[in-house]
Protein backbone atom coordinates (compact mmCIF):
# COMPACT_ATOMS: atom_id res chain seq x y z
CA MET A 1 69.99 -26.30 79.05
CA ASP A 2 72.17 -25.62 75.99
CA ILE A 3 71.50 -22.22 74.45
CA LEU A 4 73.80 -22.56 71.43
CA PRO A 5 72.78 -23.88 67.99
CA LEU A 6 74.23 -27.10 66.58
CA TRP A 7 76.42 -25.23 64.10
CA ALA A 8 78.30 -23.58 66.98
CA TRP A 9 79.26 -26.99 68.39
CA ILE A 10 80.31 -28.24 64.96
CA LEU A 11 82.37 -25.10 64.35
CA PHE A 12 84.12 -25.56 67.70
CA TYR A 13 85.11 -29.15 66.95
CA VAL A 14 86.35 -28.14 63.48
CA LEU A 15 88.47 -25.48 65.20
CA VAL A 16 89.81 -28.08 67.65
CA PHE A 17 90.74 -30.41 64.77
CA ILE A 18 92.60 -27.59 62.99
CA MET A 19 94.47 -26.71 66.19
CA LEU A 20 95.48 -30.34 66.73
CA ILE A 21 96.94 -30.55 63.22
CA ALA A 22 98.69 -27.20 63.71
CA ASP A 23 100.12 -28.43 67.02
CA LEU A 24 101.50 -31.57 65.37
CA LYS A 25 103.05 -29.56 62.51
CA MET A 26 104.55 -26.91 64.80
CA PHE A 27 106.32 -29.58 66.84
CA GLY A 28 107.87 -30.91 63.64
CA LYS A 29 107.64 -34.25 61.92
CA LYS A 30 107.32 -37.16 64.29
CA GLY A 31 110.47 -38.64 65.74
CA GLN A 32 112.81 -36.23 63.92
CA HIS A 33 113.75 -33.86 66.68
CA GLU A 34 113.77 -33.47 70.42
CA VAL A 35 111.41 -30.82 71.77
CA GLY A 36 113.46 -28.27 73.70
CA VAL A 37 112.41 -26.20 76.71
CA LYS A 38 112.45 -22.92 74.77
CA GLU A 39 110.29 -24.36 72.00
CA ALA A 40 107.90 -25.80 74.58
CA LEU A 41 107.65 -22.48 76.44
CA LYS A 42 106.85 -20.66 73.20
CA MET A 43 104.14 -23.18 72.33
CA THR A 44 102.72 -22.99 75.86
CA ALA A 45 102.46 -19.21 75.51
CA VAL A 46 100.74 -19.65 72.12
CA TRP A 47 98.15 -22.05 73.57
CA ILE A 48 97.44 -19.78 76.53
CA GLY A 49 97.06 -16.87 74.10
CA VAL A 50 94.64 -18.85 71.91
CA SER A 51 92.59 -19.75 74.99
CA LEU A 52 92.42 -16.11 76.07
CA VAL A 53 91.31 -15.08 72.56
CA PHE A 54 88.52 -17.68 72.75
CA CYS A 55 87.58 -16.33 76.18
CA ALA A 56 87.40 -12.83 74.70
CA GLY A 57 85.09 -14.21 72.02
CA ILE A 58 82.78 -15.54 74.76
CA TYR A 59 82.93 -12.14 76.51
CA PHE A 60 81.75 -10.27 73.41
CA LEU A 61 79.64 -12.81 71.52
CA TYR A 62 77.99 -15.26 73.94
CA PRO A 63 74.19 -14.92 73.65
CA GLU A 64 73.44 -14.91 77.41
CA GLU A 65 75.37 -13.34 80.32
CA PRO A 66 78.58 -13.08 78.27
CA HIS A 67 80.61 -11.42 81.05
CA GLU A 68 79.72 -14.11 83.60
CA LYS A 69 80.29 -16.89 81.06
CA ALA A 70 83.76 -15.53 80.27
CA MET A 71 84.65 -15.62 83.98
CA GLU A 72 83.29 -19.16 84.23
CA PHE A 73 85.44 -20.17 81.25
CA LEU A 74 88.56 -18.72 82.89
CA ALA A 75 87.82 -20.43 86.21
CA GLY A 76 87.14 -23.77 84.50
CA TYR A 77 90.27 -23.39 82.36
CA LEU A 78 92.43 -22.65 85.40
CA ILE A 79 91.00 -25.59 87.37
CA GLU A 80 91.61 -28.03 84.52
CA LYS A 81 95.05 -26.60 83.73
CA SER A 82 96.21 -26.79 87.34
CA LEU A 83 94.90 -30.33 87.87
CA SER A 84 96.48 -31.40 84.57
CA MET A 85 99.89 -30.38 85.85
CA ASP A 86 99.81 -33.26 88.33
CA ASN A 87 98.88 -35.49 85.40
CA LEU A 88 101.99 -34.33 83.54
CA PHE A 89 104.28 -35.38 86.39
CA VAL A 90 102.72 -38.85 86.18
CA PHE A 91 103.56 -38.87 82.45
CA LEU A 92 107.14 -37.87 83.29
CA MET A 93 107.56 -40.86 85.61
CA LEU A 94 105.88 -43.11 83.04
CA PHE A 95 108.34 -42.16 80.29
CA SER A 96 111.19 -42.67 82.73
CA TYR A 97 109.82 -46.13 83.61
CA PHE A 98 109.87 -47.19 79.95
CA ALA A 99 113.09 -45.29 79.18
CA ILE A 100 111.35 -43.56 76.26
CA LYS A 101 113.61 -41.00 74.62
CA ARG A 102 112.47 -37.39 74.69
CA LYS A 103 112.25 -37.15 70.88
CA TYR A 104 109.62 -39.93 70.81
CA GLN A 105 107.56 -38.68 73.75
CA HIS A 106 105.64 -36.01 71.83
CA GLU A 107 104.16 -38.64 69.48
CA VAL A 108 102.69 -40.54 72.45
CA LEU A 109 101.44 -37.32 74.00
CA PHE A 110 99.74 -36.23 70.77
CA TRP A 111 97.65 -39.39 70.51
CA GLY A 112 97.13 -39.42 74.26
CA ILE A 113 95.68 -35.92 74.12
CA PHE A 114 93.57 -36.80 71.07
CA GLY A 115 92.07 -39.72 72.98
CA ALA A 116 91.56 -37.52 76.03
CA LEU A 117 89.59 -34.99 73.95
CA VAL A 118 87.21 -37.72 72.77
CA LEU A 119 86.75 -39.24 76.23
CA ARG A 120 86.34 -35.85 77.95
CA SER A 121 83.66 -34.86 75.44
CA VAL A 122 81.70 -38.04 76.20
CA PHE A 123 82.08 -37.55 79.97
CA ILE A 124 81.04 -33.89 79.86
CA PHE A 125 77.95 -34.46 77.72
CA ALA A 126 76.91 -37.35 79.97
CA GLY A 127 77.61 -35.30 83.10
CA ALA A 128 75.68 -32.28 81.81
CA ALA A 129 72.67 -34.47 80.98
CA MET A 130 72.78 -36.02 84.45
CA VAL A 131 73.07 -32.65 86.22
CA GLU A 132 70.21 -31.19 84.17
CA ARG A 133 67.94 -34.09 85.10
CA PHE A 134 69.20 -34.82 88.63
CA GLU A 135 70.59 -31.64 90.17
CA TRP A 136 71.36 -33.41 93.45
CA ILE A 137 74.21 -35.23 91.67
CA LEU A 138 76.23 -32.04 92.12
CA GLY A 139 76.17 -32.78 95.85
CA LEU A 140 77.69 -36.21 95.17
CA PHE A 141 80.29 -34.52 92.97
CA GLY A 142 81.13 -32.22 95.89
CA LEU A 143 81.54 -35.11 98.33
CA PHE A 144 83.68 -36.98 95.82
CA LEU A 145 85.94 -33.94 95.35
CA LEU A 146 86.42 -33.69 99.13
CA TYR A 147 87.52 -37.33 99.11
CA THR A 148 89.86 -37.03 96.12
CA GLY A 149 91.27 -33.76 97.45
CA SER A 150 92.21 -35.43 100.73
CA LYS A 151 93.70 -38.38 98.82
CA MET A 152 96.08 -35.99 97.04
CA PHE A 153 98.00 -35.72 100.30
CA THR A 154 98.70 -39.46 100.43
CA HIS A 155 98.48 -40.89 96.88
CA ASP A 156 101.49 -42.73 95.48
CA GLU A 157 102.25 -41.47 91.97
CA GLU A 158 104.93 -44.11 91.35
CA ALA A 159 102.45 -46.91 92.01
CA GLN A 160 99.98 -45.15 89.71
CA THR A 161 102.47 -45.19 86.81
CA ASP A 162 103.43 -48.86 87.22
CA PRO A 163 101.98 -50.60 84.11
CA GLY A 164 101.97 -53.85 86.07
CA ASN A 165 99.11 -52.45 88.17
CA ASN A 166 97.09 -51.25 85.16
CA PHE A 167 94.03 -53.44 84.49
CA ILE A 168 93.74 -52.38 80.83
CA VAL A 169 97.41 -53.23 80.19
CA LYS A 170 96.94 -56.66 81.79
CA LEU A 171 93.85 -57.28 79.67
CA PHE A 172 95.60 -56.11 76.50
CA LYS A 173 98.57 -58.43 77.11
CA ARG A 174 96.23 -61.41 77.46
CA PHE A 175 95.01 -60.99 73.87
CA PHE A 176 97.91 -59.30 72.07
CA PRO A 177 101.67 -60.01 72.14
CA VAL A 178 103.96 -57.30 73.47
CA THR A 179 107.70 -56.85 72.97
CA ASP A 180 110.05 -55.42 75.59
CA LYS A 181 112.20 -53.72 72.95
CA MET A 182 111.73 -50.14 71.81
CA HIS A 183 111.40 -49.59 68.05
CA GLU A 184 111.90 -45.82 67.81
CA ASP A 185 108.50 -44.10 67.30
CA LYS A 186 106.55 -47.21 66.26
CA PHE A 187 103.54 -48.47 68.24
CA PHE A 188 103.43 -51.85 66.45
CA VAL A 189 106.11 -53.88 64.63
CA LEU A 190 106.44 -57.27 62.95
CA GLU A 191 108.79 -59.77 64.57
CA GLU A 192 109.53 -63.48 64.29
CA SER A 193 107.17 -65.60 66.35
CA GLY A 194 109.63 -68.45 66.90
CA LYS A 195 107.33 -70.94 65.14
CA ARG A 196 108.65 -72.31 61.87
CA LYS A 197 106.43 -72.60 58.83
CA GLU A 198 106.39 -75.81 56.83
CA GLU A 199 108.38 -74.08 54.10
CA GLY A 200 111.18 -73.57 56.59
CA GLY A 201 110.81 -69.83 57.01
CA LYS A 202 110.02 -67.89 60.17
CA LYS A 203 106.44 -66.88 60.84
CA LEU A 204 105.99 -63.16 61.53
CA ARG A 205 103.53 -61.68 64.00
CA ARG A 206 102.49 -58.15 64.84
CA VAL A 207 103.45 -57.08 68.37
CA ALA A 208 102.89 -53.94 70.42
CA THR A 209 105.91 -51.94 71.58
CA PRO A 210 106.48 -50.32 75.00
CA LEU A 211 105.52 -47.03 73.32
CA PHE A 212 101.97 -48.33 72.78
CA ILE A 213 101.79 -49.66 76.36
CA ALA A 214 102.79 -46.18 77.53
CA LEU A 215 99.93 -44.75 75.43
CA ILE A 216 97.46 -47.16 77.07
CA VAL A 217 98.60 -46.11 80.54
CA ILE A 218 98.36 -42.42 79.59
CA GLU A 219 94.80 -42.85 78.32
CA THR A 220 93.62 -44.78 81.38
CA THR A 221 95.41 -42.35 83.70
CA ASP A 222 93.61 -39.47 82.00
CA VAL A 223 90.26 -41.18 82.62
CA ALA A 224 91.11 -41.28 86.34
CA PHE A 225 92.06 -37.59 86.30
CA ALA A 226 88.91 -36.68 84.36
CA VAL A 227 86.81 -38.14 87.17
CA ASP A 228 88.33 -35.42 89.41
CA SER A 229 88.60 -32.49 87.04
CA ILE A 230 85.25 -32.59 85.23
CA PRO A 231 83.13 -32.45 88.44
CA ALA A 232 85.44 -29.65 89.60
CA VAL A 233 84.66 -27.58 86.49
CA PHE A 234 80.94 -28.16 87.07
CA SER A 235 81.46 -26.29 90.36
CA VAL A 236 81.96 -23.03 88.45
CA SER A 237 79.57 -23.58 85.51
CA ARG A 238 76.65 -25.80 84.55
CA ASP A 239 76.71 -24.64 80.95
CA PRO A 240 77.92 -27.68 78.94
CA PHE A 241 79.56 -25.47 76.30
CA ILE A 242 81.61 -23.59 78.91
CA VAL A 243 82.54 -26.80 80.75
CA LEU A 244 83.54 -28.51 77.50
CA THR A 245 85.48 -25.66 75.91
CA SER A 246 87.40 -24.73 79.09
CA ASN A 247 88.32 -28.39 79.55
CA ILE A 248 89.41 -28.94 75.95
CA PHE A 249 91.43 -25.72 75.67
CA ALA A 250 93.29 -26.67 78.85
CA ILE A 251 94.06 -30.12 77.42
CA LEU A 252 95.15 -28.84 73.99
CA GLY A 253 98.22 -27.15 75.45
CA LEU A 254 99.28 -30.07 77.63
CA ARG A 255 101.85 -31.45 75.20
CA ALA A 256 103.78 -28.19 75.12
CA LEU A 257 103.35 -27.68 78.87
CA TYR A 258 104.75 -31.15 79.54
CA PHE A 259 108.06 -30.39 77.81
CA ALA A 260 108.21 -27.02 79.54
CA LEU A 261 107.68 -28.54 82.99
CA ALA A 262 109.80 -31.67 82.49
CA ALA A 263 113.03 -29.72 83.00
CA VAL A 264 111.85 -28.15 86.28
CA ALA A 265 109.63 -30.93 87.67
CA LYS A 266 111.89 -31.41 90.70
CA TYR A 267 111.00 -27.91 91.91
CA PHE A 268 107.25 -28.60 92.24
CA THR A 269 107.21 -31.13 95.06
CA TYR A 270 104.43 -29.33 96.94
CA LEU A 271 102.21 -28.75 93.93
CA LYS A 272 100.02 -31.80 94.61
CA TYR A 273 99.15 -30.42 98.06
CA GLY A 274 97.96 -27.19 96.48
CA LEU A 275 95.90 -29.18 93.99
CA GLY A 276 94.41 -31.18 96.85
CA ILE A 277 93.33 -27.97 98.58
CA ILE A 278 91.85 -26.70 95.29
CA LEU A 279 89.76 -29.88 94.97
CA ILE A 280 88.58 -29.56 98.58
CA PHE A 281 87.67 -25.91 97.99
CA VAL A 282 85.59 -26.61 94.90
CA GLY A 283 83.97 -29.56 96.67
CA ILE A 284 82.90 -27.29 99.55
CA LYS A 285 81.74 -24.68 97.03
CA MET A 286 79.43 -27.24 95.40
CA LEU A 287 78.04 -28.43 98.73
CA LEU A 288 77.32 -24.85 99.89
CA ALA A 289 75.01 -24.43 96.90
CA MET A 290 73.21 -27.70 97.69
CA ASN A 291 71.58 -26.38 100.89
CA GLU A 292 68.06 -27.34 99.76
CA TYR A 293 68.95 -31.01 99.43
CA ILE A 294 71.10 -31.04 102.57
CA ASN A 295 68.26 -29.51 104.60
CA GLN A 296 65.85 -32.09 103.17
CA ILE A 297 68.16 -34.96 104.16
CA GLY A 298 68.45 -33.38 107.60
CA SER A 299 64.66 -33.29 107.98
CA TRP A 300 64.47 -36.98 107.07
CA LEU A 301 66.90 -37.63 109.93
CA GLY A 302 64.90 -35.43 112.29
CA LEU A 303 67.40 -32.56 112.20
CA ASP A 304 66.55 -28.91 111.61
CA LEU A 305 69.73 -27.82 109.83
CA ASN A 306 68.32 -24.65 108.25
CA MET A 307 71.49 -24.33 106.14
CA PRO A 308 71.51 -21.09 104.11
CA HIS A 309 72.26 -21.01 100.37
CA ILE A 310 75.80 -19.73 99.84
CA GLU A 311 76.96 -19.05 96.29
CA VAL A 312 80.68 -18.30 95.95
CA PRO A 313 81.06 -15.69 93.14
CA THR A 314 83.02 -16.87 90.11
CA PRO A 315 85.63 -14.03 90.34
CA LEU A 316 86.31 -15.00 93.97
CA SER A 317 86.62 -18.68 93.01
CA LEU A 318 89.03 -17.73 90.24
CA ALA A 319 91.16 -15.65 92.63
CA ILE A 320 91.28 -18.40 95.28
CA ILE A 321 92.21 -21.13 92.79
CA PHE A 322 94.89 -18.97 91.17
CA GLY A 323 96.25 -17.94 94.58
CA LEU A 324 96.47 -21.55 95.81
CA LEU A 325 98.22 -22.62 92.62
CA VAL A 326 100.79 -19.81 92.76
CA LEU A 327 101.35 -20.30 96.49
CA SER A 328 101.99 -24.05 96.19
CA MET A 329 104.33 -23.60 93.22
CA GLY A 330 106.17 -20.71 94.86
CA LEU A 331 106.60 -22.64 98.11
CA SER A 332 107.88 -25.65 96.17
CA VAL A 333 110.53 -23.57 94.41
CA LEU A 334 111.66 -21.85 97.63
CA VAL A 335 112.00 -25.10 99.58
CA SER A 336 113.78 -26.83 96.69
CA LYS A 337 116.26 -23.95 96.33
CA LYS A 338 117.02 -24.03 100.08
CA LYS A 339 117.65 -27.78 99.94
CA GLU A 340 120.02 -27.31 97.00
CA LYS A 341 121.99 -24.61 98.87
CA ALA A 342 122.16 -26.79 101.98
CA GLN A 343 123.60 -29.67 99.96
CA GLN A 344 126.32 -27.52 98.37
């Protein structure tokens, strides 16, 4: 149950809005410059610093169990941040597919992240209400995370980024015309329809550009990733404020992190395997805490499971998730460097 007053939620969303505007301003006016790696690294460091300051605020000011809540925030933030990295590589392939220039990518990412913040908020509030009323849903979350974690070892990212396979894109194209030509940073443009008016002039129509189609794919891709990441964050906290804020702070820095990772994406080939193991770990963690329901199901089947309640401490969860992330990234870099030396 939420222990914070309404004004605290309103204040948080006002803060998020201010940070979004600041992020847009700090990256410069849209379409006027290409975001460099150094600039992106600086902004990534700023966003991580802001998140840590917010975590410190939880540590000192949260009304109940502030120390534990701060650890839960860090664990949730790290889970969402690590899973979002796989999302960023999908974005990289998507921009390559549409041949979108680097200087126009940050505009798509800004609106993509804005949409993600709205959708994540809806999902988290709905999920928190469901968990509060039906606690056994956490067990279903755990099983689902085991499934999605195992799928990380076999999923095809290139197929996932193909707009031709996207249902929303297909539906959009049925009702709205789309041009194949890029028009700089514009999502919609006016072009001649090919049908002549009676006066002899050309009739103009509004069409969507590939930039807008890329935005649609980014939004729908984020929904798919949210289905994995939000249940994972519920594995470390059931407090809706902690789940929401850790998720949103991780998303806010994605635009900067994308441009920082884009230049070194080829070195993280094994990252998705580490993320798969992280999902499996948090899925098992959730199931271990569901012993009461598992034992009850066992009794219905005539089995005396007598499964004990095992609660993995948040600091241990944080250490395991961080260790798996560093290990997978480190292994990726080492293997990639060896392959480069072998090819020389």
